[in-house]
Amino acid sequence: MIAFFWSGGPVMILLGVISIVIVALMLYCAYQFQTWRRSTARNTTTLPAFVKQTEGLRRSIQWLSYLANMSTLAGLLGTVVGIHTAFGRLGSESGSPIELMANGIHEAISTTIVGLCLALPALLLHYWFRDRYEQARRQAGHAEAGEISSE
């Protein structure tokens, strides 16, 4: 596993940092939802109170989308760096052209795989948490208006 990580070149460090932040945000969002649900289980929350209480949660959900985009672009950057490395080695080093190209292409594909593997779950989590947030916000709006929500 560590060999795969290092085979992607320096861009893998950036992708590693992004993955840590994605996991931290996912855990933070889950914790915030649980905390908010426990605190409002006994009483209804008005919309202004909901917005104030969940501002950090809303920003964290948005950051999941940003990080999904960043990981995709970092994977693309790794692809470009890997291909650049492959062609640079082909022109400057002696040896089998196929072997020289294969190492660079392996680096390129590794970063692409990791970038996409980070982006897909981050984007899925962004949409899932966003939908839960909007549902809770609508319920708070209904509570403020004195309506009973069945959502």
Protein backbone atom coordinates (compact mmCIF):
# COMPACT_ATOMS: atom_id res chain seq x y z
CA MET A 1 0.00 0.00 0.00
CA ILE A 2 2.79 2.42 0.87
CA ALA A 3 4.60 1.49 -2.35
CA PHE A 4 1.46 2.41 -4.31
CA PHE A 5 1.27 5.74 -2.48
CA TRP A 6 4.87 6.65 -3.29
CA SER A 7 4.59 5.42 -6.87
CA GLY A 8 2.31 8.37 -7.60
CA GLY A 9 5.04 10.93 -7.08
CA PRO A 10 4.88 14.20 -5.16
CA VAL A 11 1.24 14.89 -5.98
CA MET A 12 0.31 11.94 -3.76
CA ILE A 13 1.34 14.01 -0.73
CA LEU A 14 -1.30 16.60 -1.65
CA LEU A 15 -3.86 13.85 -2.20
CA GLY A 16 -2.95 12.32 1.17
CA VAL A 17 -3.59 15.63 2.92
CA ILE A 18 -6.89 16.06 1.07
CA SER A 19 -7.97 12.55 2.11
CA ILE A 20 -7.27 13.30 5.77
CA VAL A 21 -9.29 16.52 5.60
CA ILE A 22 -12.19 14.74 3.84
CA VAL A 23 -12.34 12.08 6.56
CA ALA A 24 -12.14 14.74 9.29
CA LEU A 25 -14.97 16.76 7.70
CA MET A 26 -17.09 13.65 7.27
CA LEU A 27 -16.70 12.78 10.95
CA TYR A 28 -17.33 16.40 11.98
CA CYS A 29 -20.53 16.60 9.90
CA ALA A 30 -21.83 13.32 11.30
CA TYR A 31 -21.05 14.43 14.85
CA GLN A 32 -22.67 17.85 14.33
CA PHE A 33 -25.85 16.29 12.96
CA GLN A 34 -26.08 13.93 15.93
CA THR A 35 -25.42 16.75 18.39
CA TRP A 36 -27.98 19.02 16.76
CA ARG A 37 -30.63 16.26 16.68
CA ARG A 38 -30.09 15.45 20.36
CA SER A 39 -30.32 19.11 21.36
CA THR A 40 -33.53 19.68 19.40
CA ALA A 41 -35.24 16.36 20.18
CA ARG A 42 -37.12 17.82 23.11
CA ASN A 43 -38.06 21.19 21.62
CA THR A 44 -38.60 22.70 18.20
CA THR A 45 -36.04 25.04 16.70
CA THR A 46 -36.88 28.18 14.80
CA LEU A 47 -35.24 28.84 11.46
CA PRO A 48 -32.96 31.69 12.68
CA ALA A 49 -31.82 29.55 15.61
CA PHE A 50 -31.21 26.61 13.29
CA VAL A 51 -29.13 28.70 10.89
CA LYS A 52 -27.07 30.10 13.76
CA GLN A 53 -26.53 26.70 15.41
CA THR A 54 -25.53 24.95 12.20
CA GLU A 55 -23.37 27.57 10.45
CA GLY A 56 -20.20 25.51 10.95
CA LEU A 57 -21.96 22.42 9.68
CA ARG A 58 -23.14 24.23 6.54
CA ARG A 59 -19.61 25.47 5.80
CA SER A 60 -18.16 21.99 6.37
CA ILE A 61 -20.67 20.47 3.96
CA GLN A 62 -19.64 23.02 1.34
CA TRP A 63 -15.97 22.20 1.92
CA LEU A 64 -16.65 18.55 1.04
CA SER A 65 -17.63 19.75 -2.42
CA TYR A 66 -14.52 21.94 -2.68
CA LEU A 67 -12.27 19.04 -1.67
CA ALA A 68 -13.93 16.71 -4.17
CA ASN A 69 -13.10 19.19 -6.90
CA MET A 70 -9.59 19.70 -5.57
CA SER A 71 -8.87 15.97 -5.46
CA THR A 72 -10.04 15.56 -9.05
CA LEU A 73 -7.78 18.39 -10.17
CA ALA A 74 -4.87 17.09 -8.09
CA GLY A 75 -5.31 13.70 -9.76
CA LEU A 76 -5.23 15.43 -13.12
CA LEU A 77 -2.11 17.32 -12.08
CA GLY A 78 -0.51 14.01 -11.14
CA THR A 79 -1.43 12.65 -14.55
CA VAL A 80 0.22 15.57 -16.31
CA VAL A 81 3.31 15.39 -14.07
CA GLY A 82 3.60 11.62 -14.65
CA ILE A 83 3.36 11.95 -18.43
CA HIS A 84 5.82 14.85 -18.35
CA THR A 85 8.21 12.73 -16.30
CA ALA A 86 7.85 9.82 -18.71
CA PHE A 87 8.69 11.92 -21.75
CA GLY A 88 11.51 13.67 -19.88
CA ARG A 89 13.10 10.33 -19.01
CA LEU A 90 12.65 9.09 -22.55
CA GLY A 91 14.67 11.99 -23.92
CA SER A 92 17.39 12.10 -21.29
CA GLU A 93 18.03 8.55 -20.06
CA SER A 94 19.28 5.53 -21.88
CA GLY A 95 17.49 2.25 -21.68
CA SER A 96 14.40 0.62 -23.00
CA PRO A 97 11.88 3.27 -24.12
CA ILE A 98 9.02 1.08 -22.99
CA GLU A 99 10.45 0.74 -19.47
CA LEU A 100 11.13 4.48 -19.22
CA MET A 101 7.60 5.33 -20.36
CA ALA A 102 5.99 2.68 -18.17
CA ASN A 103 7.30 4.22 -14.94
CA GLY A 104 5.95 7.66 -15.79
CA ILE A 105 2.63 6.31 -16.99
CA HIS A 106 2.33 4.25 -13.79
CA GLU A 107 2.84 7.45 -11.77
CA ALA A 108 0.23 9.22 -13.88
CA ILE A 109 -2.37 6.49 -13.53
CA SER A 110 -1.76 6.11 -9.79
CA THR A 111 -2.54 9.75 -9.06
CA THR A 112 -5.60 9.66 -11.31
CA ILE A 113 -6.95 6.63 -9.47
CA VAL A 114 -6.40 8.19 -6.05
CA GLY A 115 -7.85 11.55 -7.13
CA LEU A 116 -11.02 9.93 -8.39
CA CYS A 117 -11.28 7.60 -5.40
CA LEU A 118 -11.23 10.67 -3.16
CA ALA A 119 -13.54 12.81 -5.28
CA LEU A 120 -16.36 10.32 -5.68
CA PRO A 121 -17.08 9.60 -2.00
CA ALA A 122 -16.45 13.25 -1.04
CA LEU A 123 -19.01 14.41 -3.57
CA LEU A 124 -21.46 11.71 -2.51
CA LEU A 125 -21.06 12.76 1.14
CA HIS A 126 -21.45 16.42 0.19
CA TYR A 127 -24.80 15.74 -1.47
CA TRP A 128 -25.97 13.41 1.30
CA PHE A 129 -25.13 15.84 4.10
CA ARG A 130 -26.48 18.79 2.09
CA ASP A 131 -29.81 17.05 1.59
CA ARG A 132 -30.04 16.21 5.32
CA TYR A 133 -29.18 19.81 6.18
CA GLU A 134 -31.85 21.20 3.83
CA GLN A 135 -34.42 18.76 5.20
CA ALA A 136 -33.65 19.86 8.77
CA ARG A 137 -33.77 23.50 7.69
CA ARG A 138 -37.22 23.03 6.13
CA GLN A 139 -38.41 21.35 9.33
CA ALA A 140 -37.13 24.30 11.37
CA GLY A 141 -38.94 26.67 8.99
CA HIS A 142 -42.17 24.72 9.43
CA ALA A 143 -41.75 24.77 13.21
CA GLU A 144 -41.26 28.53 13.12
CA ALA A 145 -44.45 28.95 11.09
CA GLY A 146 -46.34 26.74 13.56
CA GLU A 147 -46.79 23.96 11.05
CA ILE A 148 -46.19 20.30 11.69
CA SER A 149 -43.72 18.74 9.30
CA SER A 150 -43.83 15.11 8.30
CA GLU A 151 -40.46 15.13 6.48
